PDB file of N, CA and C in Angstrom:
ATOM      1  N   MET A   1       0.899  -1.099  -0.049  1.00  0.00           N
ATOM      2  CA  MET A   1       0.140   0.154  -0.051  1.00  0.00           C
ATOM      3  C   MET A   1       0.825   1.124  -0.036  1.00  0.00           C
ATOM      4  N   LEU A   2       0.630   2.167  -0.504  1.00  0.00           N
ATOM      5  CA  LEU A   2       1.148   3.433  -0.641  1.00  0.00           C
ATOM      6  C   LEU A   2       1.182   4.195   0.614  1.00  0.00           C
ATOM      7  N   ASN A   3       2.525   4.861   1.111  1.00  0.00           N
ATOM      8  CA  ASN A   3       2.566   5.761   2.040  1.00  0.00           C
ATOM      9  C   ASN A   3       2.243   7.108   1.860  1.00  0.00           C
ATOM     10  N   PRO A   4       1.214   7.861   2.407  1.00  0.00           N
ATOM     11  CA  PRO A   4       0.911   9.285   2.144  1.00  0.00           C
ATOM     12  C   PRO A   4       1.888  10.197   2.170  1.00  0.00           C
ATOM     13  N   SER A   5       2.916   9.811   3.150  1.00  0.00           N
ATOM     14  CA  SER A   5       3.955  10.721   3.600  1.00  0.00           C
ATOM     15  C   SER A   5       5.222  10.847   2.286  1.00  0.00           C
ATOM     16  N   SER A   6       4.993   9.682   1.526  1.00  0.00           N
ATOM     17  CA  SER A   6       5.811   9.691   0.494  1.00  0.00           C
ATOM     18  C   SER A   6       5.410  10.618  -0.912  1.00  0.00           C
ATOM     19  N   PHE A   7       4.357  11.002  -0.705  1.00  0.00           N
ATOM     20  CA  PHE A   7       3.970  12.026  -1.901  1.00  0.00           C
ATOM     21  C   PHE A   7       4.875  13.076  -1.965  1.00  0.00           C
ATOM     22  N   ARG A   8       5.216  13.755  -3.144  1.00  0.00           N
ATOM     23  CA  ARG A   8       5.904  14.975  -3.399  1.00  0.00           C
ATOM     24  C   ARG A   8       4.781  16.115  -2.966  1.00  0.00           C
ATOM     25  N   ALA A   9       5.250  17.232  -2.660  1.00  0.00           N
ATOM     26  CA  ALA A   9       4.425  18.335  -2.319  1.00  0.00           C
ATOM     27  C   ALA A   9       3.534  18.644  -3.751  1.00  0.00           C
ATOM     28  N   ASP A  10       3.818  18.614  -4.793  1.00  0.00           N
ATOM     29  CA  ASP A  10       3.617  19.007  -5.854  1.00  0.00           C
ATOM     30  C   ASP A  10       2.459  17.955  -6.382  1.00  0.00           C
ATOM     31  N   ASP A  11       2.225  16.739  -5.787  1.00  0.00           N
ATOM     32  CA  ASP A  11       1.610  15.548  -6.105  1.00  0.00           C
ATOM     33  C   ASP A  11       0.017  16.149  -5.613  1.00  0.00           C
ATOM     34  N   GLU A  12      -0.993  15.511  -6.225  1.00  0.00           N
ATOM     35  CA  GLU A  12      -2.228  15.683  -5.677  1.00  0.00           C
ATOM     36  C   GLU A  12      -2.661  14.664  -4.898  1.00  0.00           C
ATOM     37  N   ILE A  13      -3.175  15.249  -3.722  1.00  0.00           N
ATOM     38  CA  ILE A  13      -3.755  14.149  -2.691  1.00  0.00           C
ATOM     39  C   ILE A  13      -4.854  14.012  -2.916  1.00  0.00           C
ATOM     40  N   ARG A  14      -5.502  12.782  -3.312  1.00  0.00           N
ATOM     41  CA  ARG A  14      -6.641  12.572  -3.611  1.00  0.00           C
ATOM     42  C   ARG A  14      -7.381  11.857  -2.368  1.00  0.00           C
ATOM     43  N   GLY A  15      -7.002  11.543  -1.409  1.00  0.00           N
ATOM     44  CA  GLY A  15      -7.556  11.078  -0.328  1.00  0.00           C
ATOM     45  C   GLY A  15      -8.669  12.007   0.349  1.00  0.00           C
ATOM     46  N   ALA A  16      -9.287  11.218   1.210  1.00  0.00           N
ATOM     47  CA  ALA A  16     -10.566  11.906   1.885  1.00  0.00           C
ATOM     48  C   ALA A  16      -9.903  12.422   3.560  1.00  0.00           C
ATOM     49  N   SER A  17     -10.453  13.483   3.964  1.00  0.00           N
ATOM     50  CA  SER A  17      -9.964  13.845   5.244  1.00  0.00           C
ATOM     51  C   SER A  17     -10.608  12.961   6.565  1.00  0.00           C
ATOM     52  N   LYS A  18     -10.087  12.908   7.619  1.00  0.00           N
ATOM     53  CA  LYS A  18     -10.394  12.065   8.764  1.00  0.00           C
ATOM     54  C   LYS A  18     -11.905  12.475   9.128  1.00  0.00           C
ATOM     55  N   LYS A  19     -12.091  13.719   8.938  1.00  0.00           N
ATOM     56  CA  LYS A  19     -13.604  14.316   9.125  1.00  0.00           C
ATOM     57  C   LYS A  19     -14.362  13.684   8.394  1.00  0.00           C
ATOM     58  N   VAL A  20     -14.420  13.482   7.072  1.00  0.00           N
ATOM     59  CA  VAL A  20     -15.326  12.992   6.147  1.00  0.00           C
ATOM     60  C   VAL A  20     -15.359  11.441   6.184  1.00  0.00           C
ATOM     61  N   ILE A  21     -14.350  10.708   6.503  1.00  0.00           N
ATOM     62  CA  ILE A  21     -14.164   9.171   6.811  1.00  0.00           C
ATOM     63  C   ILE A  21     -14.991   9.038   8.119  1.00  0.00           C
ATOM     64  N   ASP A  22     -14.798   9.742   9.196  1.00  0.00           N
ATOM     65  CA  ASP A  22     -15.545   9.440  10.202  1.00  0.00           C
ATOM     66  C   ASP A  22     -17.071   9.533  10.228  1.00  0.00           C
ATOM     67  N   LYS A  23     -17.515  10.572   9.440  1.00  0.00           N
ATOM     68  CA  LYS A  23     -18.758  10.629   9.046  1.00  0.00           C
ATOM     69  C   LYS A  23     -19.528   9.360   8.552  1.00  0.00           C
ATOM     70  N   LEU A  24     -19.045   8.640   7.731  1.00  0.00           N
ATOM     71  CA  LEU A  24     -19.594   7.479   6.984  1.00  0.00           C
ATOM     72  C   LEU A  24     -20.119   6.392   8.171  1.00  0.00           C
ATOM     73  N   GLU A  25     -21.177   5.820   7.837  1.00  0.00           N
ATOM     74  CA  GLU A  25     -21.811   4.732   8.634  1.00  0.00           C
ATOM     75  C   GLU A  25     -21.029   3.517   8.877  1.00  0.00           C
ATOM     76  N   THR A  26     -21.143   3.191  10.192  1.00  0.00           N
ATOM     77  CA  THR A  26     -20.369   2.003  10.441  1.00  0.00           C
ATOM     78  C   THR A  26     -21.602   1.100  11.118  1.00  0.00           C
ATOM     79  N   LYS A  27     -21.134  -0.084  11.263  1.00  0.00           N
ATOM     80  CA  LYS A  27     -22.072  -1.284  11.903  1.00  0.00           C
ATOM     81  C   LYS A  27     -21.190  -2.542  12.232  1.00  0.00           C
ATOM     82  N   LYS A  28     -21.505  -3.000  13.532  1.00  0.00           N
ATOM     83  CA  LYS A  28     -20.823  -4.281  13.728  1.00  0.00           C
ATOM     84  C   LYS A  28     -21.621  -5.423  13.034  1.00  0.00           C
ATOM     85  N   PHE A  29     -20.759  -6.431  12.358  1.00  0.00           N
ATOM     86  CA  PHE A  29     -21.280  -7.233  11.703  1.00  0.00           C
ATOM     87  C   PHE A  29     -21.702  -8.482  12.473  1.00  0.00           C
ATOM     88  N   THR A  30     -22.969  -8.816  12.146  1.00  0.00           N
ATOM     89  CA  THR A  30     -23.931  -9.911  12.821  1.00  0.00           C
ATOM     90  C   THR A  30     -24.432 -10.830  11.803  1.00  0.00           C
ATOM     91  N   LYS A  31     -24.610 -12.014  11.969  1.00  0.00           N
ATOM     92  CA  LYS A  31     -25.457 -13.139  11.160  1.00  0.00           C
ATOM     93  C   LYS A  31     -26.680 -12.278  10.824  1.00  0.00           C
ATOM     94  N   GLY A  32     -26.919 -12.351   9.542  1.00  0.00           N
ATOM     95  CA  GLY A  32     -28.101 -11.858   9.118  1.00  0.00           C
ATOM     96  C   GLY A  32     -28.154 -10.133   8.840  1.00  0.00           C
ATOM     97  N   LEU A  33     -27.165  -9.620   8.880  1.00  0.00           N
ATOM     98  CA  LEU A  33     -27.019  -8.235   8.763  1.00  0.00           C
ATOM     99  C   LEU A  33     -27.062  -7.918   7.322  1.00  0.00           C
ATOM    100  N   LEU A  34     -26.527  -8.872   6.739  1.00  0.00           N
ATOM    101  CA  LEU A  34     -26.552  -8.428   5.021  1.00  0.00           C
ATOM    102  C   LEU A  34     -27.641  -9.591   4.331  1.00  0.00           C
ATOM    103  N   GLU A  35     -28.283  -9.091   3.389  1.00  0.00           N
ATOM    104  CA  GLU A  35     -29.355  -9.739   2.562  1.00  0.00           C
ATOM    105  C   GLU A  35     -28.732 -10.949   2.137  1.00  0.00           C
ATOM    106  N   ASP A  36     -27.644 -10.859   1.545  1.00  0.00           N
ATOM    107  CA  ASP A  36     -27.181 -12.016   0.772  1.00  0.00           C
ATOM    108  C   ASP A  36     -25.820 -12.444   1.548  1.00  0.00           C
ATOM    109  N   GLU A  37     -25.847 -13.781   2.195  1.00  0.00           N
ATOM    110  CA  GLU A  37     -24.695 -14.146   2.868  1.00  0.00           C
ATOM    111  C   GLU A  37     -23.495 -14.347   2.061  1.00  0.00           C
ATOM    112  N   ASN A  38     -23.676 -14.409   0.618  1.00  0.00           N
ATOM    113  CA  ASN A  38     -22.353 -14.413  -0.150  1.00  0.00           C
ATOM    114  C   ASN A  38     -21.795 -13.146  -0.101  1.00  0.00           C
ATOM    115  N   ASP A  39     -22.339 -12.031   0.278  1.00  0.00           N
ATOM    116  CA  ASP A  39     -21.903 -10.690   0.480  1.00  0.00           C
ATOM    117  C   ASP A  39     -21.285 -10.307   1.582  1.00  0.00           C
ATOM    118  N   ALA A  40     -20.914 -11.262   2.523  1.00  0.00           N
ATOM    119  CA  ALA A  40     -20.249 -11.251   3.844  1.00  0.00           C
ATOM    120  C   ALA A  40     -18.850 -11.362   3.744  1.00  0.00           C
ATOM    121  N   LYS A  41     -18.090 -10.605   2.842  1.00  0.00           N
ATOM    122  CA  LYS A  41     -16.801 -10.572   2.466  1.00  0.00           C
ATOM    123  C   LYS A  41     -16.236  -9.260   2.303  1.00  0.00           C
ATOM    124  N   CYS A  42     -15.068  -9.004   2.915  1.00  0.00           N
ATOM    125  CA  CYS A  42     -14.638  -7.511   2.348  1.00  0.00           C
ATOM    126  C   CYS A  42     -13.687  -7.504   1.238  1.00  0.00           C
ATOM    127  N   ALA A  43     -14.300  -6.655   0.010  1.00  0.00           N
ATOM    128  CA  ALA A  43     -13.746  -6.728  -1.182  1.00  0.00           C
ATOM    129  C   ALA A  43     -12.401  -6.241  -0.926  1.00  0.00           C
ATOM    130  N   ILE A  44     -11.707  -5.701   0.094  1.00  0.00           N
ATOM    131  CA  ILE A  44     -10.280  -5.301  -0.176  1.00  0.00           C
ATOM    132  C   ILE A  44      -9.510  -6.400   0.346  1.00  0.00           C
ATOM    133  N   CYS A  45      -9.688  -6.825   1.466  1.00  0.00           N
ATOM    134  CA  CYS A  45      -8.814  -8.045   2.129  1.00  0.00           C
ATOM    135  C   CYS A  45      -9.358  -9.344   1.814  1.00  0.00           C
ATOM    136  N   LEU A  46     -10.347  -9.498   1.123  1.00  0.00           N
ATOM    137  CA  LEU A  46     -10.988 -10.874   0.760  1.00  0.00           C
ATOM    138  C   LEU A  46     -11.146 -11.796   1.717  1.00  0.00           C
ATOM    139  N   ASN A  47     -11.353 -11.158   3.169  1.00  0.00           N
ATOM    140  CA  ASN A  47     -11.610 -12.125   4.165  1.00  0.00           C
ATOM    141  C   ASN A  47     -13.133 -12.050   4.581  1.00  0.00           C
ATOM    142  N   ASN A  48     -13.882 -13.184   5.025  1.00  0.00           N
ATOM    143  CA  ASN A  48     -15.158 -13.249   5.303  1.00  0.00           C
ATOM    144  C   ASN A  48     -15.413 -12.335   6.400  1.00  0.00           C
ATOM    145  N   TYR A  49     -16.383 -11.651   6.765  1.00  0.00           N
ATOM    146  CA  TYR A  49     -16.693 -10.890   7.951  1.00  0.00           C
ATOM    147  C   TYR A  49     -17.101 -12.077   9.109  1.00  0.00           C
ATOM    148  N   GLU A  50     -16.248 -11.469  10.135  1.00  0.00           N
ATOM    149  CA  GLU A  50     -16.274 -12.123  11.474  1.00  0.00           C
ATOM    150  C   GLU A  50     -17.464 -11.571  12.335  1.00  0.00           C
ATOM    151  N   GLU A  51     -18.348 -12.220  13.401  1.00  0.00           N
ATOM    152  CA  GLU A  51     -19.061 -11.759  14.360  1.00  0.00           C
ATOM    153  C   GLU A  51     -18.503 -10.669  15.164  1.00  0.00           C
ATOM    154  N   GLY A  52     -19.030  -9.339  15.068  1.00  0.00           N
ATOM    155  CA  GLY A  52     -18.551  -8.268  15.953  1.00  0.00           C
ATOM    156  C   GLY A  52     -17.499  -7.459  15.076  1.00  0.00           C
ATOM    157  N   GLU A  53     -17.285  -7.628  13.886  1.00  0.00           N
ATOM    158  CA  GLU A  53     -16.114  -7.068  13.242  1.00  0.00           C
ATOM    159  C   GLU A  53     -16.802  -5.611  12.750  1.00  0.00           C
ATOM    160  N   GLU A  54     -16.192  -4.522  12.817  1.00  0.00           N
ATOM    161  CA  GLU A  54     -16.756  -3.216  12.343  1.00  0.00           C
ATOM    162  C   GLU A  54     -16.622  -2.981  10.835  1.00  0.00           C
ATOM    163  N   LEU A  55     -17.787  -2.937  10.432  1.00  0.00           N
ATOM    164  CA  LEU A  55     -18.023  -2.540   8.931  1.00  0.00           C
ATOM    165  C   LEU A  55     -18.154  -1.059   8.618  1.00  0.00           C
ATOM    166  N   ARG A  56     -17.613  -0.638   7.514  1.00  0.00           N
ATOM    167  CA  ARG A  56     -17.984   0.593   6.942  1.00  0.00           C
ATOM    168  C   ARG A  56     -18.634   0.735   5.808  1.00  0.00           C
ATOM    169  N   TYR A  57     -19.829   1.356   5.807  1.00  0.00           N
ATOM    170  CA  TYR A  57     -20.705   1.424   4.554  1.00  0.00           C
ATOM    171  C   TYR A  57     -20.423   2.932   3.908  1.00  0.00           C
ATOM    172  N   LEU A  58     -20.339   2.763   2.598  1.00  0.00           N
ATOM    173  CA  LEU A  58     -19.884   4.040   1.758  1.00  0.00           C
ATOM    174  C   LEU A  58     -21.052   4.352   1.053  1.00  0.00           C
ATOM    175  N   PRO A  59     -21.275   5.818   0.833  1.00  0.00           N
ATOM    176  CA  PRO A  59     -22.534   6.057   0.228  1.00  0.00           C
ATOM    177  C   PRO A  59     -22.714   5.846  -1.199  1.00  0.00           C
ATOM    178  N   CYS A  60     -22.533   4.597  -1.854  1.00  0.00           N
ATOM    179  CA  CYS A  60     -22.668   4.215  -3.134  1.00  0.00           C
ATOM    180  C   CYS A  60     -24.248   4.110  -3.542  1.00  0.00           C
ATOM    181  N   LYS A  61     -24.506   4.405  -4.975  1.00  0.00           N
ATOM    182  CA  LYS A  61     -25.995   4.059  -5.207  1.00  0.00           C
ATOM    183  C   LYS A  61     -26.042   3.052  -6.301  1.00  0.00           C
ATOM    184  N   PRO A  62     -26.776   2.092  -6.466  1.00  0.00           N
ATOM    185  CA  PRO A  62     -28.070   2.199  -5.692  1.00  0.00           C
ATOM    186  C   PRO A  62     -27.956   1.382  -4.324  1.00  0.00           C
ATOM    187  N   LYS A  63     -26.606   0.567  -4.072  1.00  0.00           N
ATOM    188  CA  LYS A  63     -26.505  -0.217  -3.051  1.00  0.00           C
ATOM    189  C   LYS A  63     -25.120   0.337  -2.083  1.00  0.00           C
ATOM    190  N   ASN A  64     -25.461   0.637  -1.026  1.00  0.00           N
ATOM    191  CA  ASN A  64     -24.060   1.150  -0.154  1.00  0.00           C
ATOM    192  C   ASN A  64     -23.152  -0.255  -0.166  1.00  0.00           C
ATOM    193  N   HIS A  65     -21.813   0.023  -0.744  1.00  0.00           N
ATOM    194  CA  HIS A  65     -20.891  -1.007  -0.592  1.00  0.00           C
ATOM    195  C   HIS A  65     -20.314  -0.842   0.968  1.00  0.00           C
ATOM    196  N   HIS A  66     -19.922  -1.947   1.417  1.00  0.00           N
ATOM    197  CA  HIS A  66     -19.306  -2.025   2.696  1.00  0.00           C
ATOM    198  C   HIS A  66     -17.997  -2.861   2.848  1.00  0.00           C
ATOM    199  N   TYR A  67     -17.092  -2.658   3.648  1.00  0.00           N
ATOM    200  CA  TYR A  67     -15.945  -3.110   3.918  1.00  0.00           C
ATOM    201  C   TYR A  67     -15.478  -3.276   5.397  1.00  0.00           C
ATOM    202  N   HIS A  68     -14.360  -3.992   5.733  1.00  0.00           N
ATOM    203  CA  HIS A  68     -14.007  -3.923   7.154  1.00  0.00           C
ATOM    204  C   HIS A  68     -13.410  -2.322   7.016  1.00  0.00           C
ATOM    205  N   ARG A  69     -13.918  -1.797   8.412  1.00  0.00           N
ATOM    206  CA  ARG A  69     -13.809  -0.361   8.799  1.00  0.00           C
ATOM    207  C   ARG A  69     -12.060  -0.055   8.466  1.00  0.00           C
ATOM    208  N   ASP A  70     -11.287  -0.932   9.033  1.00  0.00           N
ATOM    209  CA  ASP A  70      -9.827  -0.553   8.887  1.00  0.00           C
ATOM    210  C   ASP A  70      -9.541  -0.626   7.662  1.00  0.00           C
ATOM    211  N   CYS A  71      -9.692  -1.568   6.834  1.00  0.00           N
ATOM    212  CA  CYS A  71      -9.404  -1.738   5.259  1.00  0.00           C
ATOM    213  C   CYS A  71      -9.735  -0.508   4.441  1.00  0.00           C
ATOM    214  N   VAL A  72     -11.011  -0.193   4.639  1.00  0.00           N
ATOM    215  CA  VAL A  72     -11.628   0.910   3.754  1.00  0.00           C
ATOM    216  C   VAL A  72     -11.014   2.107   4.183  1.00  0.00           C
ATOM    217  N   ASP A  73     -10.674   2.313   5.770  1.00  0.00           N
ATOM    218  CA  ASP A  73     -10.315   3.776   5.876  1.00  0.00           C
ATOM    219  C   ASP A  73      -8.844   3.896   5.499  1.00  0.00           C
ATOM    220  N   ASP A  74      -7.982   2.767   5.500  1.00  0.00           N
ATOM    221  CA  ASP A  74      -6.693   2.911   4.742  1.00  0.00           C
ATOM    222  C   ASP A  74      -6.578   3.283   3.503  1.00  0.00           C
ATOM    223  N   TRP A  75      -7.823   2.780   2.842  1.00  0.00           N
ATOM    224  CA  TRP A  75      -8.066   3.161   1.279  1.00  0.00           C
ATOM    225  C   TRP A  75      -8.422   4.477   1.145  1.00  0.00           C
ATOM    226  N   LEU A  76      -9.359   5.200   1.908  1.00  0.00           N
ATOM    227  CA  LEU A  76      -9.907   6.335   1.419  1.00  0.00           C
ATOM    228  C   LEU A  76      -8.817   7.679   2.080  1.00  0.00           C
ATOM    229  N   VAL A  77      -8.021   7.299   2.993  1.00  0.00           N
ATOM    230  CA  VAL A  77      -7.004   8.114   3.150  1.00  0.00           C
ATOM    231  C   VAL A  77      -6.116   8.537   1.910  1.00  0.00           C
ATOM    232  N   LEU A  78      -6.227   7.589   1.059  1.00  0.00           N
ATOM    233  CA  LEU A  78      -5.193   7.727  -0.046  1.00  0.00           C
ATOM    234  C   LEU A  78      -6.148   8.093  -1.399  1.00  0.00           C
ATOM    235  N   ASN A  79      -7.357   7.795  -1.289  1.00  0.00           N
ATOM    236  CA  ASN A  79      -8.445   7.789  -2.479  1.00  0.00           C
ATOM    237  C   ASN A  79      -9.719   7.836  -2.005  1.00  0.00           C
ATOM    238  N   LYS A  80     -10.301   9.083  -2.387  1.00  0.00           N
ATOM    239  CA  LYS A  80     -11.683   9.287  -1.768  1.00  0.00           C
ATOM    240  C   LYS A  80     -13.000   8.628  -2.487  1.00  0.00           C
ATOM    241  N   THR A  81     -12.763   7.416  -3.201  1.00  0.00           N
ATOM    242  CA  THR A  81     -13.582   6.894  -3.894  1.00  0.00           C
ATOM    243  C   THR A  81     -13.681   5.511  -3.275  1.00  0.00           C
ATOM    244  N   CYS A  82     -14.933   5.081  -3.778  1.00  0.00           N
ATOM    245  CA  CYS A  82     -15.203   3.623  -3.242  1.00  0.00           C
ATOM    246  C   CYS A  82     -14.341   2.576  -4.108  1.00  0.00           C
ATOM    247  N   PRO A  83     -13.713   1.702  -3.460  1.00  0.00           N
ATOM    248  CA  PRO A  83     -12.740   0.725  -4.213  1.00  0.00           C
ATOM    249  C   PRO A  83     -13.395  -0.077  -5.382  1.00  0.00           C
ATOM    250  N   PHE A  84     -14.839  -0.157  -5.105  1.00  0.00           N
ATOM    251  CA  PHE A  84     -15.601  -1.100  -6.040  1.00  0.00           C
ATOM    252  C   PHE A  84     -16.074   0.043  -7.374  1.00  0.00           C
ATOM    253  N   CYS A  85     -16.853   0.842  -6.872  1.00  0.00           N
ATOM    254  CA  CYS A  85     -17.735   1.272  -7.999  1.00  0.00           C
ATOM    255  C   CYS A  85     -17.002   2.838  -8.300  1.00  0.00           C
ATOM    256  N   LYS A  86     -16.083   3.225  -7.637  1.00  0.00           N
ATOM    257  CA  LYS A  86     -15.259   4.518  -7.836  1.00  0.00           C
ATOM    258  C   LYS A  86     -16.159   5.957  -7.719  1.00  0.00           C
ATOM    259  N   ARG A  87     -17.331   5.603  -7.024  1.00  0.00           N
ATOM    260  CA  ARG A  87     -18.065   6.896  -6.653  1.00  0.00           C
ATOM    261  C   ARG A  87     -17.513   7.647  -5.525  1.00  0.00           C
ATOM    262  N   ALA A  88     -17.272   8.841  -5.596  1.00  0.00           N
ATOM    263  CA  ALA A  88     -16.656   9.866  -4.751  1.00  0.00           C
ATOM    264  C   ALA A  88     -17.504   9.726  -3.360  1.00  0.00           C
ATOM    265  N   ILE A  89     -16.771   9.650  -2.326  1.00  0.00           N
ATOM    266  CA  ILE A  89     -17.593   9.418  -1.098  1.00  0.00           C
ATOM    267  C   ILE A  89     -18.127  10.747  -0.502  1.00  0.00           C
ATOM    268  N   ASP A  90     -17.542  11.886  -0.923  1.00  0.00           N
ATOM    269  CA  ASP A  90     -18.212  13.055  -0.462  1.00  0.00           C
ATOM    270  C   ASP A  90     -18.747  13.755  -1.743  1.00  0.00           C
ATOM    271  N   GLN A  91     -19.366  12.838  -2.371  1.00  0.00           N
ATOM    272  CA  GLN A  91     -20.239  13.532  -3.652  1.00  0.00           C
ATOM    273  C   GLN A  91     -21.540  14.238  -2.962  1.00  0.00           C
ATOM    274  N   LYS A  92     -22.166  13.689  -2.235  1.00  0.00           N
ATOM    275  CA  LYS A  92     -23.263  14.292  -1.498  1.00  0.00           C
ATOM    276  C   LYS A  92     -22.951  15.685  -0.745  1.00  0.00           C
ATOM    277  N   GLU A  93     -21.709  15.567   0.018  1.00  0.00           N
ATOM    278  CA  GLU A  93     -21.496  16.935   0.592  1.00  0.00           C
ATOM    279  C   GLU A  93     -21.304  17.984  -0.621  1.00  0.00           C
ATOM    280  N   VAL A  94     -20.519  17.592  -1.813  1.00  0.00           N
ATOM    281  CA  VAL A  94     -20.306  18.398  -2.775  1.00  0.00           C
ATOM    282  C   VAL A  94     -21.669  18.837  -3.434  1.00  0.00           C
ATOM    283  N   GLU A  95     -22.667  18.030  -3.702  1.00  0.00           N
ATOM    284  CA  GLU A  95     -23.861  18.372  -4.165  1.00  0.00           C
ATOM    285  C   GLU A  95     -24.680  19.443  -3.405  1.00  0.00           C
ATOM    286  N   GLU A  96     -24.494  19.130  -1.834  1.00  0.00           N
ATOM    287  CA  GLU A  96     -25.297  20.105  -1.024  1.00  0.00           C
ATOM    288  C   GLU A  96     -24.589  21.419  -1.055  1.00  0.00           C
ATOM    289  N   GLU A  97     -23.195  21.506  -1.063  1.00  0.00           N
ATOM    290  CA  GLU A  97     -22.543  22.845  -1.002  1.00  0.00           C
ATOM    291  C   GLU A  97     -22.770  23.428  -2.419  1.00  0.00           C
ATOM    292  N   ASP A  98     -23.029  22.708  -3.476  1.00  0.00           N
ATOM    293  CA  ASP A  98     -23.301  23.417  -4.683  1.00  0.00           C
ATOM    294  C   ASP A  98     -24.832  24.193  -4.684  1.00  0.00           C
ATOM    295  N   VAL A  99     -25.864  23.279  -4.020  1.00  0.00           N
ATOM    296  CA  VAL A  99     -27.242  23.943  -3.885  1.00  0.00           C
ATOM    297  C   VAL A  99     -27.093  25.196  -2.781  1.00  0.00           C
ATOM    298  N   GLU A 100     -26.125  25.010  -1.861  1.00  0.00           N
ATOM    299  CA  GLU A 100     -26.007  26.149  -0.974  1.00  0.00           C
ATOM    300  C   GLU A 100     -25.474  27.456  -1.657  1.00  0.00           C
ATOM    301  N   THR A 101     -24.400  27.139  -2.616  1.00  0.00           N
ATOM    302  CA  THR A 101     -23.814  28.294  -3.261  1.00  0.00           C
ATOM    303  C   THR A 101     -24.656  29.132  -3.975  1.00  0.00           C
ATOM    304  N   ASN A 102     -25.592  28.148  -4.964  1.00  0.00           N
ATOM    305  CA  ASN A 102     -26.336  28.666  -5.648  1.00  0.00           C
ATOM    306  C   ASN A 102     -27.700  29.456  -4.955  1.00  0.00           C
ATOM    307  N   LYS A 103     -27.873  29.229  -3.975  1.00  0.00           N
ATOM    308  CA  LYS A 103     -28.878  29.863  -3.058  1.00  0.00           C
ATOM    309  C   LYS A 103     -28.415  31.057  -2.860  1.00  0.00           C
ATOM    310  N   THR A 104     -27.055  31.084  -2.468  1.00  0.00           N
ATOM    311  CA  THR A 104     -26.454  32.613  -2.080  1.00  0.00           C
ATOM    312  C   THR A 104     -25.971  33.442  -3.376  1.00  0.00           C
ATOM    313  N   ASP A 105     -25.934  32.847  -4.311  1.00  0.00           N
ATOM    314  CA  ASP A 105     -25.450  33.622  -5.509  1.00  0.00           C
ATOM    315  C   ASP A 105     -26.861  34.130  -6.211  1.00  0.00           C
ATOM    316  N   VAL A 106     -27.956  33.722  -5.861  1.00  0.00           N
ATOM    317  CA  VAL A 106     -29.370  34.379  -6.538  1.00  0.00           C
ATOM    318  C   VAL A 106     -29.637  35.550  -5.971  1.00  0.00           C
TER     319      VAL A 106
END
């Protein structure tokens, strides 16, 4: 995995802030949490979810993708998109800011 401190100053940092990451939904994994038992696997580390592990849900549409919290948090520090569908995790905030900006510009 890439080390964020290895980026040069002129490199674009594409990661999400801790504040944005911490706003994302988390849930403790329990049997029956997911509709499809075949979906009970982290797509980053490829391990099955175990009872009590913390999952982080990303705001993907139409289905919120989920991963082990630690796995996806490491990813999001470097890249603020879902590892699976590439949707920006802060897209909703960007859309809300655009609406607010347009209200004040009128």
